[in-house]
N, C-alpha and C. Protein backbone atom coordinates (compact mmCIF):
# COMPACT_ATOMS: atom_id res chain seq x y z
N UNK A 1 -31.38 22.26 0.84
CA UNK A 1 -30.04 22.19 1.39
C UNK A 1 -29.16 23.27 0.76
N UNK A 2 -29.22 23.33 -0.58
CA UNK A 2 -28.38 24.30 -1.29
C UNK A 2 -28.73 25.73 -0.88
N UNK A 3 -30.01 26.05 -0.73
CA UNK A 3 -30.40 27.40 -0.31
C UNK A 3 -29.79 27.73 1.05
N UNK A 4 -29.87 26.78 1.98
CA UNK A 4 -29.35 27.01 3.33
C UNK A 4 -27.84 27.23 3.31
N UNK A 5 -27.09 26.38 2.57
CA UNK A 5 -25.63 26.54 2.54
C UNK A 5 -25.23 27.83 1.85
N UNK A 6 -25.95 28.20 0.80
CA UNK A 6 -25.64 29.46 0.12
C UNK A 6 -25.88 30.65 1.06
N UNK A 7 -27.00 30.63 1.77
CA UNK A 7 -27.31 31.72 2.70
C UNK A 7 -26.30 31.79 3.84
N UNK A 8 -25.84 30.63 4.30
CA UNK A 8 -24.88 30.58 5.41
C UNK A 8 -23.45 30.81 4.94
N UNK A 9 -23.23 30.82 3.61
CA UNK A 9 -21.89 31.05 3.08
C UNK A 9 -20.94 29.89 3.34
N UNK A 10 -21.45 28.68 3.34
CA UNK A 10 -20.60 27.52 3.58
C UNK A 10 -20.69 26.55 2.40
N UNK A 11 -19.66 25.74 2.28
CA UNK A 11 -19.64 24.71 1.26
C UNK A 11 -20.29 23.45 1.80
N UNK A 12 -20.92 22.71 0.94
CA UNK A 12 -21.56 21.47 1.35
C UNK A 12 -21.29 20.42 0.30
N UNK A 13 -20.73 19.30 0.72
CA UNK A 13 -20.51 18.18 -0.16
C UNK A 13 -21.35 17.03 0.36
N UNK A 14 -22.04 16.36 -0.51
CA UNK A 14 -22.86 15.23 -0.07
C UNK A 14 -22.73 14.09 -1.07
N UNK A 15 -22.98 12.93 -0.60
CA UNK A 15 -22.91 11.75 -1.44
C UNK A 15 -23.90 10.73 -0.91
N UNK A 16 -24.19 9.73 -1.70
CA UNK A 16 -25.11 8.69 -1.25
C UNK A 16 -24.41 7.80 -0.24
N UNK A 17 -25.15 7.35 0.73
CA UNK A 17 -24.59 6.51 1.79
C UNK A 17 -24.22 5.13 1.28
N UNK A 18 -24.91 4.64 0.24
CA UNK A 18 -24.68 3.29 -0.25
C UNK A 18 -23.87 3.28 -1.54
N UNK A 19 -23.00 2.29 -1.66
CA UNK A 19 -22.34 2.05 -2.94
C UNK A 19 -23.42 1.76 -3.97
N UNK A 20 -23.18 2.17 -5.20
CA UNK A 20 -24.14 1.91 -6.28
C UNK A 20 -23.36 1.56 -7.53
N UNK A 21 -23.75 0.48 -8.18
CA UNK A 21 -23.04 0.01 -9.37
C UNK A 21 -23.16 0.95 -10.55
N UNK A 22 -24.18 1.79 -10.58
CA UNK A 22 -24.39 2.67 -11.72
C UNK A 22 -23.48 3.89 -11.72
N UNK A 23 -22.79 4.17 -10.63
CA UNK A 23 -21.96 5.37 -10.56
C UNK A 23 -20.82 5.33 -11.57
N UNK A 24 -20.32 4.14 -11.85
CA UNK A 24 -19.28 3.95 -12.86
C UNK A 24 -19.56 2.62 -13.54
N UNK A 25 -20.70 2.55 -14.22
CA UNK A 25 -21.21 1.29 -14.78
C UNK A 25 -20.23 0.62 -15.74
N UNK A 26 -19.41 1.39 -16.41
CA UNK A 26 -18.45 0.82 -17.36
C UNK A 26 -17.25 0.20 -16.69
N UNK A 27 -17.09 0.44 -15.37
CA UNK A 27 -15.92 -0.05 -14.65
C UNK A 27 -16.37 -0.58 -13.29
N UNK A 28 -16.85 -1.83 -13.21
CA UNK A 28 -17.38 -2.37 -11.95
C UNK A 28 -16.42 -2.28 -10.77
N UNK A 29 -15.12 -2.34 -11.03
CA UNK A 29 -14.14 -2.24 -9.95
C UNK A 29 -13.71 -0.82 -9.66
N UNK A 30 -14.27 0.15 -10.39
CA UNK A 30 -13.87 1.54 -10.25
C UNK A 30 -14.23 2.14 -8.90
N UNK A 31 -13.42 3.04 -8.44
CA UNK A 31 -13.60 3.63 -7.11
C UNK A 31 -14.91 4.38 -6.96
N UNK A 32 -15.45 4.94 -8.03
CA UNK A 32 -16.70 5.68 -7.93
C UNK A 32 -17.84 4.80 -7.40
N UNK A 33 -17.75 3.51 -7.65
CA UNK A 33 -18.79 2.57 -7.21
C UNK A 33 -18.67 2.22 -5.73
N UNK A 34 -17.63 2.68 -5.07
CA UNK A 34 -17.33 2.23 -3.72
C UNK A 34 -17.13 3.36 -2.72
N UNK A 35 -17.73 4.51 -2.96
CA UNK A 35 -17.55 5.66 -2.08
C UNK A 35 -18.52 5.71 -0.91
N UNK A 36 -19.52 4.86 -0.89
CA UNK A 36 -20.51 4.89 0.16
C UNK A 36 -19.98 4.39 1.50
N UNK A 37 -20.75 4.61 2.54
CA UNK A 37 -20.43 4.09 3.86
C UNK A 37 -20.95 2.68 4.04
N UNK A 38 -21.79 2.24 3.07
CA UNK A 38 -22.39 0.92 3.09
C UNK A 38 -22.22 0.27 1.73
N UNK A 39 -22.06 -1.04 1.72
CA UNK A 39 -21.98 -1.77 0.46
C UNK A 39 -23.35 -1.78 -0.21
N UNK A 40 -23.39 -2.24 -1.44
CA UNK A 40 -24.66 -2.30 -2.18
C UNK A 40 -25.70 -3.10 -1.41
N UNK A 41 -25.27 -4.16 -0.73
CA UNK A 41 -26.23 -5.01 -0.01
C UNK A 41 -26.50 -4.55 1.42
N UNK A 42 -25.96 -3.40 1.82
CA UNK A 42 -26.30 -2.82 3.11
C UNK A 42 -25.38 -3.17 4.26
N UNK A 43 -24.18 -3.63 3.96
CA UNK A 43 -23.23 -3.88 5.05
C UNK A 43 -22.44 -2.61 5.34
N UNK A 44 -22.30 -2.32 6.63
CA UNK A 44 -21.58 -1.13 7.05
C UNK A 44 -20.08 -1.33 6.88
N UNK A 45 -19.43 -0.36 6.28
CA UNK A 45 -17.98 -0.42 6.12
C UNK A 45 -17.30 -0.08 7.45
N UNK A 46 -16.02 -0.38 7.51
CA UNK A 46 -15.24 -0.25 8.74
C UNK A 46 -15.43 1.10 9.44
N UNK A 47 -15.50 2.16 8.67
CA UNK A 47 -15.59 3.52 9.24
C UNK A 47 -16.80 3.70 10.15
N UNK A 48 -17.84 2.88 9.98
CA UNK A 48 -19.05 3.03 10.80
C UNK A 48 -19.37 1.77 11.62
N UNK A 49 -18.41 0.87 11.75
CA UNK A 49 -18.63 -0.33 12.56
C UNK A 49 -19.04 0.04 13.98
N UNK A 50 -18.41 1.07 14.54
CA UNK A 50 -18.74 1.45 15.93
C UNK A 50 -20.20 1.90 16.05
N UNK A 51 -20.74 2.50 14.99
CA UNK A 51 -22.13 2.93 15.02
C UNK A 51 -23.08 1.73 14.97
N UNK A 52 -22.66 0.68 14.27
CA UNK A 52 -23.44 -0.56 14.26
C UNK A 52 -23.48 -1.11 15.69
N UNK A 53 -22.31 -1.14 16.35
CA UNK A 53 -22.23 -1.63 17.73
C UNK A 53 -23.12 -0.83 18.68
N UNK A 54 -23.23 0.46 18.43
CA UNK A 54 -24.04 1.33 19.29
C UNK A 54 -25.54 1.24 18.98
N UNK A 55 -25.89 0.50 17.93
CA UNK A 55 -27.30 0.33 17.59
C UNK A 55 -27.90 1.49 16.81
N UNK A 56 -27.05 2.35 16.26
CA UNK A 56 -27.54 3.52 15.53
C UNK A 56 -28.42 3.13 14.35
N UNK A 57 -28.15 2.01 13.72
CA UNK A 57 -28.89 1.60 12.54
C UNK A 57 -29.96 0.56 12.84
N UNK A 58 -30.27 0.39 14.11
CA UNK A 58 -31.30 -0.58 14.52
C UNK A 58 -32.61 -0.29 13.80
N UNK A 59 -33.17 -1.30 13.19
CA UNK A 59 -34.44 -1.14 12.47
C UNK A 59 -34.27 -0.69 11.03
N UNK A 60 -33.03 -0.38 10.63
CA UNK A 60 -32.77 0.04 9.25
C UNK A 60 -32.12 -1.11 8.48
N UNK A 61 -32.27 -1.09 7.19
CA UNK A 61 -31.65 -2.12 6.38
C UNK A 61 -31.76 -1.79 4.92
N UNK A 62 -31.40 -2.76 4.12
CA UNK A 62 -31.50 -2.59 2.67
C UNK A 62 -31.83 -3.95 2.07
N UNK A 63 -32.76 -3.95 1.15
CA UNK A 63 -33.15 -5.19 0.50
C UNK A 63 -33.71 -6.21 1.47
N UNK A 64 -34.35 -5.74 2.52
CA UNK A 64 -34.94 -6.65 3.50
C UNK A 64 -33.96 -7.21 4.52
N UNK A 65 -32.69 -6.81 4.43
CA UNK A 65 -31.67 -7.28 5.35
C UNK A 65 -31.27 -6.16 6.31
N UNK A 66 -31.06 -6.48 7.59
CA UNK A 66 -30.62 -5.45 8.52
C UNK A 66 -29.18 -5.01 8.23
N UNK A 67 -28.83 -3.83 8.67
CA UNK A 67 -27.46 -3.35 8.54
C UNK A 67 -26.55 -4.23 9.38
N UNK A 68 -25.49 -4.70 8.78
CA UNK A 68 -24.50 -5.50 9.49
C UNK A 68 -23.11 -5.01 9.08
N UNK A 69 -22.09 -5.52 9.74
CA UNK A 69 -20.72 -5.10 9.43
C UNK A 69 -20.15 -5.91 8.27
N UNK A 70 -19.35 -5.26 7.44
CA UNK A 70 -18.59 -5.99 6.43
C UNK A 70 -17.62 -6.92 7.15
N UNK A 71 -17.23 -7.98 6.49
CA UNK A 71 -16.29 -8.97 7.04
C UNK A 71 -16.79 -9.57 8.34
N UNK A 72 -18.09 -9.49 8.57
CA UNK A 72 -18.64 -10.03 9.81
C UNK A 72 -18.08 -9.36 11.05
N UNK A 73 -17.54 -8.15 10.86
CA UNK A 73 -16.95 -7.42 11.98
C UNK A 73 -15.56 -7.92 12.36
N UNK A 74 -14.96 -8.75 11.52
CA UNK A 74 -13.65 -9.34 11.80
C UNK A 74 -12.55 -8.45 11.18
N UNK A 75 -11.91 -7.65 12.01
CA UNK A 75 -10.90 -6.70 11.53
C UNK A 75 -9.71 -7.42 10.89
N UNK A 76 -9.32 -8.56 11.44
CA UNK A 76 -8.20 -9.32 10.86
C UNK A 76 -8.54 -9.77 9.45
N UNK A 77 -9.77 -10.21 9.22
CA UNK A 77 -10.20 -10.63 7.88
C UNK A 77 -10.19 -9.44 6.93
N UNK A 78 -10.62 -8.29 7.40
CA UNK A 78 -10.60 -7.08 6.59
C UNK A 78 -9.17 -6.76 6.16
N UNK A 79 -8.23 -6.82 7.11
CA UNK A 79 -6.85 -6.46 6.81
C UNK A 79 -6.15 -7.45 5.89
N UNK A 80 -6.68 -8.66 5.79
CA UNK A 80 -6.12 -9.63 4.84
C UNK A 80 -6.43 -9.24 3.41
N UNK A 81 -7.54 -8.55 3.21
CA UNK A 81 -7.97 -8.20 1.85
C UNK A 81 -7.69 -6.74 1.48
N UNK A 82 -7.77 -5.84 2.42
CA UNK A 82 -7.60 -4.42 2.14
C UNK A 82 -6.12 -4.06 2.25
N UNK A 83 -5.62 -3.39 1.23
CA UNK A 83 -4.22 -3.01 1.24
C UNK A 83 -4.01 -1.74 2.05
N UNK A 84 -2.99 -1.75 2.86
CA UNK A 84 -2.63 -0.60 3.68
C UNK A 84 -1.64 0.25 2.90
N UNK A 85 -1.80 1.57 2.89
CA UNK A 85 -0.84 2.42 2.18
C UNK A 85 0.57 2.21 2.73
N UNK A 86 1.58 2.36 1.88
CA UNK A 86 2.95 2.19 2.36
C UNK A 86 3.28 3.21 3.44
N UNK A 87 4.08 2.78 4.38
CA UNK A 87 4.48 3.65 5.49
C UNK A 87 5.98 3.89 5.39
N UNK A 88 6.36 5.14 5.48
CA UNK A 88 7.77 5.49 5.43
C UNK A 88 8.43 5.09 6.73
N UNK A 89 9.55 4.39 6.63
CA UNK A 89 10.22 3.92 7.85
C UNK A 89 11.19 4.94 8.37
């Protein structure tokens, strides 16, 4: 990957798709542990819920469990727990 991006003269940033507890082991609640598109147990975060609906992850999973949506796909439940940034009025 690095050879290709260097030859093409482009920047490439990549990260693991799954959250991993070891990324910031000293701080379990730290943001570094939560940058993935999927939780540690393989649930798809909101940003990719539409891909779950489209069947993109059909046949894939983690720990023997199929990919599913966080919060059971319930957006209202997600918004009860996730804080929304302040909005200027």
